[in-house]
Amino acid sequence: MPVARVVVDVMLKPEILDPQGQAVQRALPRLGFTGITDVRQGKRFELELEGPVDDAALARIREAAETFLANTVIEDFTVRVEETATLVTSSSVVGDAK
């Protein structure tokens, strides 16, 4: 049976201070990465479901995100379906800090 992947991305709300994102933003120029004006840190959850992802399954995932995966007082979340057949992983480095 095919497996579907649902991704829940959780980010701090824009009005919430993000000290970890700010620390990364300050460190990037020292490491040679320039031109980055803002960094926000978040969480990504990948949930694999058996069978098709229908409205009921997505509703259950949204409920899990709202009650368990995200603190909705300070965080927003998005839910999206990824096609597992098109997922490609790579260990190559995108940028070089040298």
N, C-alpha and C. Protein backbone atom coordinates (compact mmCIF):
# COMPACT_ATOMS: atom_id res chain seq x y z
N MET A 1 0.85 -1.19 0.00
CA MET A 1 0.00 0.00 0.00
C MET A 1 0.89 1.24 0.00
N PRO A 2 0.60 2.22 -0.85
CA PRO A 2 1.43 3.43 -0.90
C PRO A 2 1.36 4.21 0.42
N VAL A 3 2.45 4.86 0.69
CA VAL A 3 2.54 5.68 1.89
C VAL A 3 2.59 7.14 1.48
N ALA A 4 1.79 7.97 2.12
CA ALA A 4 1.81 9.40 1.86
C ALA A 4 2.54 10.10 3.00
N ARG A 5 3.22 11.18 2.67
CA ARG A 5 3.91 11.96 3.69
C ARG A 5 3.21 13.31 3.81
N VAL A 6 2.87 13.64 5.05
CA VAL A 6 2.29 14.94 5.36
C VAL A 6 3.31 15.69 6.19
N VAL A 7 3.58 16.92 5.79
CA VAL A 7 4.58 17.74 6.48
C VAL A 7 3.86 18.85 7.24
N VAL A 8 4.22 18.99 8.51
CA VAL A 8 3.71 20.09 9.33
C VAL A 8 4.90 20.98 9.65
N ASP A 9 4.86 22.21 9.14
CA ASP A 9 5.89 23.20 9.45
C ASP A 9 5.36 24.13 10.52
N VAL A 10 6.16 24.31 11.59
CA VAL A 10 5.76 25.14 12.72
C VAL A 10 6.76 26.28 12.84
N MET A 11 6.24 27.50 12.86
CA MET A 11 7.10 28.69 12.97
C MET A 11 6.56 29.61 14.06
N LEU A 12 7.46 30.32 14.71
CA LEU A 12 7.01 31.34 15.65
C LEU A 12 6.21 32.39 14.90
N LYS A 13 5.19 32.91 15.54
CA LYS A 13 4.41 33.98 14.92
C LYS A 13 5.33 35.18 14.69
N PRO A 14 5.05 35.98 13.66
CA PRO A 14 5.95 37.09 13.31
C PRO A 14 6.22 38.06 14.46
N GLU A 15 5.25 38.25 15.33
CA GLU A 15 5.41 39.21 16.43
C GLU A 15 6.18 38.64 17.63
N ILE A 16 6.53 37.35 17.59
CA ILE A 16 7.25 36.71 18.68
C ILE A 16 8.75 36.79 18.42
N LEU A 17 9.50 37.23 19.40
CA LEU A 17 10.96 37.32 19.31
C LEU A 17 11.55 35.94 19.06
N ASP A 18 12.51 35.85 18.15
CA ASP A 18 13.15 34.58 17.79
C ASP A 18 14.65 34.67 18.07
N PRO A 19 15.07 34.45 19.33
CA PRO A 19 16.49 34.59 19.67
C PRO A 19 17.40 33.63 18.90
N GLN A 20 16.95 32.42 18.65
CA GLN A 20 17.78 31.47 17.91
C GLN A 20 17.97 31.93 16.47
N GLY A 21 16.91 32.40 15.84
CA GLY A 21 17.02 32.93 14.49
C GLY A 21 17.94 34.14 14.44
N GLN A 22 17.84 35.01 15.44
CA GLN A 22 18.71 36.19 15.49
C GLN A 22 20.17 35.80 15.66
N ALA A 23 20.44 34.78 16.48
CA ALA A 23 21.82 34.32 16.68
C ALA A 23 22.39 33.77 15.37
N VAL A 24 21.58 33.03 14.63
CA VAL A 24 22.03 32.50 13.34
C VAL A 24 22.27 33.64 12.36
N GLN A 25 21.36 34.61 12.34
CA GLN A 25 21.51 35.75 11.43
C GLN A 25 22.80 36.51 11.71
N ARG A 26 23.14 36.70 12.98
CA ARG A 26 24.38 37.41 13.33
C ARG A 26 25.63 36.60 12.98
N ALA A 27 25.53 35.27 13.04
CA ALA A 27 26.70 34.42 12.78
C ALA A 27 26.99 34.26 11.29
N LEU A 28 25.97 34.30 10.45
CA LEU A 28 26.17 34.02 9.02
C LEU A 28 27.21 34.92 8.36
N PRO A 29 27.17 36.25 8.55
CA PRO A 29 28.20 37.09 7.90
C PRO A 29 29.62 36.75 8.37
N ARG A 30 29.77 36.40 9.65
CA ARG A 30 31.10 36.03 10.15
C ARG A 30 31.62 34.76 9.48
N LEU A 31 30.69 33.94 8.97
CA LEU A 31 31.08 32.70 8.30
C LEU A 31 31.15 32.85 6.78
N GLY A 32 30.98 34.09 6.30
CA GLY A 32 31.11 34.35 4.87
C GLY A 32 29.80 34.34 4.10
N PHE A 33 28.68 34.19 4.77
CA PHE A 33 27.37 34.19 4.11
C PHE A 33 26.75 35.58 4.26
N THR A 34 26.79 36.36 3.20
CA THR A 34 26.30 37.73 3.25
C THR A 34 24.99 37.88 2.49
N GLY A 35 24.32 38.99 2.72
CA GLY A 35 23.09 39.29 2.00
C GLY A 35 21.84 38.67 2.59
N ILE A 36 21.95 38.00 3.71
CA ILE A 36 20.78 37.40 4.36
C ILE A 36 20.27 38.40 5.38
N THR A 37 19.05 38.88 5.19
CA THR A 37 18.55 39.98 6.02
C THR A 37 17.72 39.53 7.22
N ASP A 38 17.24 38.29 7.22
CA ASP A 38 16.44 37.82 8.35
C ASP A 38 16.48 36.30 8.41
N VAL A 39 16.43 35.76 9.60
CA VAL A 39 16.38 34.32 9.81
C VAL A 39 15.34 34.04 10.88
N ARG A 40 14.44 33.11 10.59
CA ARG A 40 13.46 32.64 11.57
C ARG A 40 13.65 31.13 11.70
N GLN A 41 13.72 30.65 12.89
CA GLN A 41 13.93 29.24 13.15
C GLN A 41 12.58 28.58 13.40
N GLY A 42 12.42 27.35 12.93
CA GLY A 42 11.16 26.65 13.11
C GLY A 42 11.37 25.16 13.28
N LYS A 43 10.27 24.43 13.23
CA LYS A 43 10.29 22.97 13.36
C LYS A 43 9.56 22.36 12.17
N ARG A 44 10.00 21.18 11.76
CA ARG A 44 9.36 20.44 10.67
C ARG A 44 9.06 19.04 11.17
N PHE A 45 7.82 18.63 11.01
CA PHE A 45 7.39 17.28 11.36
C PHE A 45 6.97 16.57 10.08
N GLU A 46 7.48 15.38 9.85
CA GLU A 46 7.08 14.57 8.71
C GLU A 46 6.30 13.38 9.23
N LEU A 47 5.05 13.27 8.81
CA LEU A 47 4.19 12.18 9.25
C LEU A 47 3.87 11.31 8.05
N GLU A 48 4.10 10.03 8.14
CA GLU A 48 3.79 9.11 7.06
C GLU A 48 2.48 8.41 7.36
N LEU A 49 1.57 8.43 6.39
CA LEU A 49 0.25 7.85 6.55
C LEU A 49 0.07 6.71 5.57
N GLU A 50 -0.62 5.68 6.01
CA GLU A 50 -0.98 4.59 5.11
C GLU A 50 -2.19 5.02 4.29
N GLY A 51 -2.19 4.69 3.03
CA GLY A 51 -3.34 4.97 2.19
C GLY A 51 -3.42 6.41 1.76
N PRO A 52 -4.55 6.76 1.15
CA PRO A 52 -4.72 8.11 0.62
C PRO A 52 -4.88 9.14 1.73
N VAL A 53 -4.47 10.35 1.41
CA VAL A 53 -4.63 11.46 2.35
C VAL A 53 -5.91 12.18 1.95
N ASP A 54 -6.98 11.88 2.67
CA ASP A 54 -8.27 12.50 2.37
C ASP A 54 -8.53 13.64 3.36
N ASP A 55 -9.70 14.25 3.24
CA ASP A 55 -10.04 15.38 4.11
C ASP A 55 -10.05 14.97 5.58
N ALA A 56 -10.52 13.77 5.88
CA ALA A 56 -10.57 13.30 7.27
C ALA A 56 -9.16 13.14 7.84
N ALA A 57 -8.25 12.56 7.04
CA ALA A 57 -6.87 12.39 7.50
C ALA A 57 -6.21 13.74 7.74
N LEU A 58 -6.42 14.69 6.81
CA LEU A 58 -5.84 16.02 6.99
C LEU A 58 -6.43 16.73 8.21
N ALA A 59 -7.70 16.52 8.47
CA ALA A 59 -8.32 17.11 9.66
C ALA A 59 -7.68 16.56 10.93
N ARG A 60 -7.40 15.26 10.95
CA ARG A 60 -6.73 14.65 12.12
C ARG A 60 -5.32 15.22 12.29
N ILE A 61 -4.60 15.41 11.18
CA ILE A 61 -3.25 15.97 11.25
C ILE A 61 -3.31 17.41 11.76
N ARG A 62 -4.26 18.20 11.25
CA ARG A 62 -4.39 19.58 11.73
C ARG A 62 -4.72 19.61 13.22
N GLU A 63 -5.56 18.69 13.68
CA GLU A 63 -5.90 18.62 15.11
C GLU A 63 -4.66 18.28 15.93
N ALA A 64 -3.85 17.33 15.43
CA ALA A 64 -2.61 16.98 16.13
C ALA A 64 -1.66 18.17 16.17
N ALA A 65 -1.56 18.90 15.07
CA ALA A 65 -0.69 20.06 15.02
C ALA A 65 -1.15 21.12 16.01
N GLU A 66 -2.45 21.35 16.05
CA GLU A 66 -3.00 22.40 16.91
C GLU A 66 -2.91 22.05 18.39
N THR A 67 -3.03 20.76 18.73
CA THR A 67 -3.06 20.39 20.14
C THR A 67 -1.74 19.86 20.67
N PHE A 68 -0.83 19.43 19.77
CA PHE A 68 0.39 18.78 20.25
C PHE A 68 1.67 19.28 19.60
N LEU A 69 1.68 19.44 18.30
CA LEU A 69 2.91 19.79 17.59
C LEU A 69 3.28 21.26 17.69
N ALA A 70 2.29 22.13 17.81
CA ALA A 70 2.54 23.57 17.87
C ALA A 70 1.91 24.16 19.12
N ASN A 71 2.55 25.17 19.65
CA ASN A 71 1.97 25.98 20.72
C ASN A 71 1.31 27.16 20.02
N THR A 72 0.01 27.06 19.78
CA THR A 72 -0.68 28.04 18.94
C THR A 72 -0.78 29.42 19.56
N VAL A 73 -0.37 29.56 20.81
CA VAL A 73 -0.32 30.90 21.41
C VAL A 73 0.82 31.70 20.77
N ILE A 74 1.94 31.03 20.49
CA ILE A 74 3.11 31.73 19.95
C ILE A 74 3.57 31.21 18.59
N GLU A 75 2.95 30.12 18.10
CA GLU A 75 3.40 29.52 16.85
C GLU A 75 2.24 29.36 15.85
N ASP A 76 2.59 29.49 14.57
CA ASP A 76 1.68 29.17 13.47
C ASP A 76 2.15 27.86 12.86
N PHE A 77 1.25 27.17 12.16
CA PHE A 77 1.66 25.95 11.48
C PHE A 77 0.98 25.85 10.12
N THR A 78 1.63 25.12 9.23
CA THR A 78 1.05 24.79 7.93
C THR A 78 1.11 23.28 7.76
N VAL A 79 0.15 22.74 7.04
CA VAL A 79 0.09 21.31 6.76
C VAL A 79 0.08 21.16 5.25
N ARG A 80 0.95 20.29 4.72
CA ARG A 80 0.97 20.04 3.28
C ARG A 80 1.32 18.59 3.03
N VAL A 81 0.87 18.10 1.89
CA VAL A 81 1.12 16.72 1.50
C VAL A 81 2.28 16.70 0.52
N GLU A 82 3.23 15.80 0.76
CA GLU A 82 4.35 15.60 -0.17
C GLU A 82 4.18 14.26 -0.85
N GLU A 83 4.43 14.22 -2.12
CA GLU A 83 4.40 12.96 -2.86
C GLU A 83 5.70 12.21 -2.56
N THR A 84 5.61 11.02 -1.99
CA THR A 84 6.81 10.28 -1.61
C THR A 84 7.59 9.79 -2.81
N ALA A 85 6.94 9.58 -3.95
CA ALA A 85 7.65 9.09 -5.13
C ALA A 85 8.59 10.14 -5.69
N THR A 86 8.34 11.43 -5.41
CA THR A 86 9.17 12.48 -5.97
C THR A 86 10.20 13.01 -4.97
N LEU A 87 10.22 12.45 -3.77
CA LEU A 87 11.17 12.93 -2.78
C LEU A 87 12.58 12.48 -3.14
N VAL A 88 13.52 13.40 -3.08
CA VAL A 88 14.91 13.11 -3.37
C VAL A 88 15.72 13.65 -2.21
N THR A 89 16.65 12.84 -1.71
CA THR A 89 17.51 13.31 -0.64
C THR A 89 18.92 13.46 -1.19
N SER A 90 19.64 14.38 -0.59
CA SER A 90 21.00 14.63 -1.04
C SER A 90 21.85 15.02 0.16
N SER A 91 23.07 14.59 0.15
CA SER A 91 23.99 14.98 1.20
C SER A 91 25.00 16.01 0.71
N SER A 92 24.80 16.52 -0.50
CA SER A 92 25.75 17.49 -1.04
C SER A 92 25.57 18.84 -0.35
N VAL A 93 26.64 19.60 -0.31
CA VAL A 93 26.63 20.91 0.32
C VAL A 93 26.16 21.93 -0.70
N VAL A 94 25.19 22.76 -0.31
CA VAL A 94 24.64 23.76 -1.22
C VAL A 94 25.59 24.96 -1.33
N GLY A 95 26.14 25.40 -0.23
CA GLY A 95 27.02 26.57 -0.25
C GLY A 95 28.33 26.25 0.45
N ASP A 96 29.34 27.02 0.17
CA ASP A 96 30.64 26.83 0.79
C ASP A 96 31.02 28.13 1.49
N ALA A 97 31.35 28.03 2.77
CA ALA A 97 31.64 29.22 3.57
C ALA A 97 33.06 29.73 3.36
N LYS A 98 33.87 29.05 2.58
CA LYS A 98 35.27 29.49 2.40
C LYS A 98 35.37 30.72 1.55
